Each structure stands twice: as C-alpha cells, then as structure tokens.
Amino acid sequence: MSDADTPRETHLLPDAIHRAVKPGTALLRLVTTHTREGNLDGAWWPRSRDIGAELPALVTALTEYLGPVVRVGLDSDAWEELPTRLIIDDRIVHIDSFPVGDDTILITRGDRDLFSLLVVPPHATPDAARAAMARAVRVDNLAPAEQILIDTGTATGRARPSGAEGPQTGQERRGTS
C-alpha cells in the first residue's frame, strides 16, 4: 500500500501546515506530532474580540485538518457579544461559555475529542505573537496558557472593555507567518 493509499487517522493532528497568510484567514498553528503530550494543541491569533467575525475562519481552517467542529468553548468575558451558536460552512457550531480564561479556546470535534488552543490577544505585536504561538506548539510545553502569554509579553489579564486599545490591522500584522 502506498502512502497515498494509507487512510488518514482523523483523530491525529496534521504533520505539517504551511500556508501563506491571506486576508480573512485564521492565524493558527497546530501541534504537528501524533502524540498530544503538551497542555495545548495549538495557538490562534484572532484579529479582534468579535467572535462572530473571528470564529468562522478558525472553524473553517480547523475543519480542513481535524474534521467537523461541533462545539467551541470560551470565556464570555473575553469576547464581545457571545452567541450560543453560529452557522459556519452550512454547519451549526455550538458556542459554550466556560471560565477557561481569555487565553484559551476549547474546540470539540465529534462527541468527546477536545482540542485546547492558546488565544494570543489581538493587540499583540507580531514578534510576541509568533513567540507565544511557537511555544504553545512545542511538544515538551507543559506551561499553562496564561504563563506562556506572561513569558512572551502578550498577557493582558482579563478582557479589555470595548473601545480599549484596538486590535492590530492587517497593515500592522504584515511580516507574520
């Protein structure tokens, strides 16, 4: 049986994800090993705290590599106007509010397959965001998400109120990969 004929095990994270960042795409890194030994399975750098604007690109990207996403768990204090569900790519994605902190988002695929992603604050500098995302996907990383953000200078504490320092625009984010 050739490699092309080998069935892909959908419960594993992909071995490689290398894509150019295009406007409107999710800025995402996933762990690239078959084992899930660290505290986190990846990292996501949203452009704002508007979950309705940010979640569709993330779910679309994750669905391509992990299969259909059915639930997202996050902290309602960290996001503007949190709906209970969104329709993304013609599928209903349920949104649950958990006290996980504004530094983590929980993604559920199927009934019990849970993935935990570090959420890099939207206002983070490209260098700090890159450092936080790289640390989150290290296989030997056992630090909690909050500590990664503190160590990389991206921590902000709880969510900022509306009108506080805004997220960086695409122009300010150029040069990230």
Protein backbone atom coordinates (compact mmCIF):
# COMPACT_ATOMS: atom_id res chain seq x y z
CA MET A 1 0.00 0.00 0.00
CA SER A 2 1.49 3.36 -0.97
CA ASP A 3 1.43 6.45 1.26
CA ALA A 4 -1.30 7.90 -0.94
CA ASP A 5 -3.45 4.82 -0.23
CA THR A 6 -2.89 4.93 3.53
CA PRO A 7 -6.05 6.08 5.27
CA ARG A 8 -5.56 9.24 7.30
CA GLU A 9 -6.23 8.87 11.01
CA THR A 10 -8.55 11.82 11.59
CA HIS A 11 -8.07 11.86 15.38
CA LEU A 12 -4.45 12.95 15.00
CA LEU A 13 -3.15 16.44 14.41
CA PRO A 14 -1.62 17.03 10.97
CA ASP A 15 2.11 16.57 10.42
CA ALA A 16 2.61 19.86 8.57
CA ILE A 17 0.67 23.03 7.99
CA HIS A 18 2.46 25.62 5.88
CA ARG A 19 0.24 28.22 4.28
CA ALA A 20 0.73 31.83 3.26
CA VAL A 21 -1.34 34.17 5.39
CA LYS A 22 -4.04 35.75 3.25
CA PRO A 23 -6.51 38.44 4.33
CA GLY A 24 -9.50 36.87 6.07
CA THR A 25 -7.70 33.68 7.05
CA ALA A 26 -7.16 32.42 10.58
CA LEU A 27 -3.71 32.92 12.05
CA LEU A 28 -3.29 29.46 13.51
CA ARG A 29 -0.57 26.99 14.48
CA LEU A 30 -1.24 23.39 15.45
CA VAL A 31 0.94 20.82 17.16
CA THR A 32 2.50 18.72 14.42
CA THR A 33 3.02 15.40 16.18
CA HIS A 34 0.82 12.35 16.51
CA THR A 35 1.07 12.47 20.29
CA ARG A 36 -0.72 15.04 22.36
CA GLU A 37 1.55 15.37 25.37
CA GLY A 38 1.58 19.13 26.00
CA ASN A 39 -1.11 21.25 27.63
CA LEU A 40 -2.08 22.84 24.32
CA ASP A 41 -2.80 21.56 20.83
CA GLY A 42 -2.06 24.82 19.09
CA ALA A 43 -2.44 28.58 19.12
CA TRP A 44 -4.72 31.12 17.46
CA TRP A 45 -4.18 34.84 16.96
CA PRO A 46 -7.56 36.48 16.28
CA ARG A 47 -7.67 39.99 14.81
CA SER A 48 -10.36 41.24 17.24
CA ARG A 49 -12.57 40.24 20.17
CA ASP A 50 -15.60 39.91 17.87
CA ILE A 51 -16.25 36.16 17.97
CA GLY A 52 -18.82 36.37 15.15
CA ALA A 53 -16.15 37.83 12.86
CA GLU A 54 -13.24 35.67 14.06
CA LEU A 55 -14.68 32.21 14.65
CA PRO A 56 -15.74 31.31 11.08
CA ALA A 57 -12.17 31.45 9.69
CA LEU A 58 -10.86 29.43 12.65
CA VAL A 59 -13.53 26.75 12.34
CA THR A 60 -13.06 26.53 8.57
CA ALA A 61 -9.30 26.07 8.99
CA LEU A 62 -9.67 23.50 11.78
CA THR A 63 -12.33 21.57 9.86
CA GLU A 64 -9.93 21.18 6.94
CA TYR A 65 -7.36 19.45 9.17
CA LEU A 66 -9.32 17.93 12.04
CA GLY A 67 -12.76 17.26 10.63
CA PRO A 68 -16.06 18.93 11.54
CA VAL A 69 -16.05 21.13 14.64
CA VAL A 70 -19.27 20.83 16.65
CA ARG A 71 -18.57 22.96 19.74
CA VAL A 72 -16.39 25.82 20.84
CA GLY A 73 -15.87 26.65 24.49
CA LEU A 74 -14.56 30.01 25.56
CA ASP A 75 -14.80 32.68 28.23
CA SER A 76 -17.69 35.07 27.55
CA ASP A 77 -15.89 37.89 29.39
CA ALA A 78 -13.11 37.79 26.80
CA TRP A 79 -15.33 38.30 23.76
CA GLU A 80 -17.85 40.85 22.54
CA GLU A 81 -21.45 39.59 22.36
CA LEU A 82 -21.14 35.83 22.59
CA PRO A 83 -23.87 33.97 20.65
CA THR A 84 -24.93 30.44 21.62
CA ARG A 85 -24.33 29.13 18.10
CA LEU A 86 -23.15 30.17 14.66
CA ILE A 87 -23.72 28.65 11.25
CA ILE A 88 -20.30 28.16 9.67
CA ASP A 89 -19.86 26.45 6.31
CA ASP A 90 -23.51 25.32 6.44
CA ARG A 91 -22.98 23.60 9.82
CA ILE A 92 -24.20 24.62 13.25
CA VAL A 93 -21.34 25.22 15.68
CA HIS A 94 -22.47 25.48 19.31
CA ILE A 95 -20.70 28.03 21.48
CA ASP A 96 -20.37 27.29 25.18
CA SER A 97 -19.23 29.74 27.81
CA PHE A 98 -16.74 28.32 30.28
CA PRO A 99 -14.48 30.01 32.82
CA VAL A 100 -11.40 28.90 30.85
CA GLY A 101 -9.91 32.38 30.75
CA ASP A 102 -9.40 34.67 27.78
CA ASP A 103 -6.18 32.84 26.93
CA THR A 104 -7.73 29.50 25.90
CA ILE A 105 -10.37 28.27 23.48
CA LEU A 106 -11.66 24.69 23.57
CA ILE A 107 -12.60 23.03 20.29
CA THR A 108 -14.73 19.87 20.22
CA ARG A 109 -14.82 17.54 17.26
CA GLY A 110 -17.28 14.68 17.47
CA ASP A 111 -18.62 13.66 20.87
CA ARG A 112 -15.53 13.86 23.07
CA ASP A 113 -12.47 14.82 21.04
CA LEU A 114 -11.30 18.05 22.64
CA PHE A 115 -8.54 20.40 21.45
CA SER A 116 -7.21 23.28 23.51
CA LEU A 117 -5.75 26.32 21.74
CA LEU A 118 -3.87 29.25 23.20
CA VAL A 119 -5.54 32.54 22.24
CA VAL A 120 -2.98 35.26 21.59
CA PRO A 121 -4.50 38.68 22.33
CA PRO A 122 -5.43 40.60 19.15
CA HIS A 123 -3.27 43.59 20.08
CA ALA A 124 -0.08 41.51 20.48
CA THR A 125 2.93 42.56 18.45
CA PRO A 126 3.90 40.20 15.62
CA ASP A 127 7.12 39.16 17.40
CA ALA A 128 5.36 38.46 20.70
CA ALA A 129 2.53 36.61 18.95
CA ARG A 130 5.00 34.50 16.96
CA ALA A 131 6.90 33.62 20.17
CA ALA A 132 3.72 32.70 22.05
CA MET A 133 2.42 30.57 19.18
CA ALA A 134 5.76 28.77 18.79
CA ARG A 135 5.91 27.98 22.49
CA ALA A 136 2.32 26.73 22.54
CA VAL A 137 3.03 24.07 19.91
CA ARG A 138 6.23 22.74 21.46
CA VAL A 139 5.77 19.07 22.32
CA ASP A 140 7.53 19.49 25.66
CA ASN A 141 5.45 22.52 26.66
CA LEU A 142 3.69 21.90 29.95
CA ALA A 143 3.19 25.56 30.88
CA PRO A 144 -0.39 26.79 31.19
CA ALA A 145 -1.60 29.20 28.51
CA GLU A 146 -1.56 32.15 30.90
CA GLN A 147 2.13 31.57 31.70
CA ILE A 148 3.04 31.44 28.00
CA LEU A 149 1.40 34.83 27.48
CA ILE A 150 3.18 36.28 30.50
CA ASP A 151 6.56 34.88 29.41
CA THR A 152 6.19 36.24 25.87
CA GLY A 153 4.89 39.65 26.89
CA THR A 154 1.43 39.20 25.41
CA ALA A 155 -0.58 38.82 28.64
CA THR A 156 -3.30 41.37 29.24
CA GLY A 157 -5.25 39.97 32.16
CA ARG A 158 -8.99 39.79 31.63
CA ALA A 159 -10.66 41.05 28.50
CA ARG A 160 -10.41 44.74 27.68
CA PRO A 161 -13.63 46.74 27.60
CA SER A 162 -14.97 47.84 24.23
CA GLY A 163 -13.20 50.94 22.99
CA ALA A 164 -9.91 50.00 24.67
CA GLU A 165 -6.77 49.72 22.61
CA GLY A 166 -7.92 48.05 19.40
CA PRO A 167 -6.54 45.05 17.57
CA GLN A 168 -3.82 45.41 15.03
CA THR A 169 -4.86 45.77 11.44
CA GLY A 170 -3.59 43.73 8.52
CA GLN A 171 -1.11 46.53 7.70
CA GLU A 172 0.44 46.25 11.20
CA ARG A 173 0.49 42.45 11.02
CA ARG A 174 2.40 42.19 7.75
CA GLY A 175 5.58 40.21 8.09
CA THR A 176 4.00 37.50 10.25
CA SER A 177 3.92 33.96 9.03
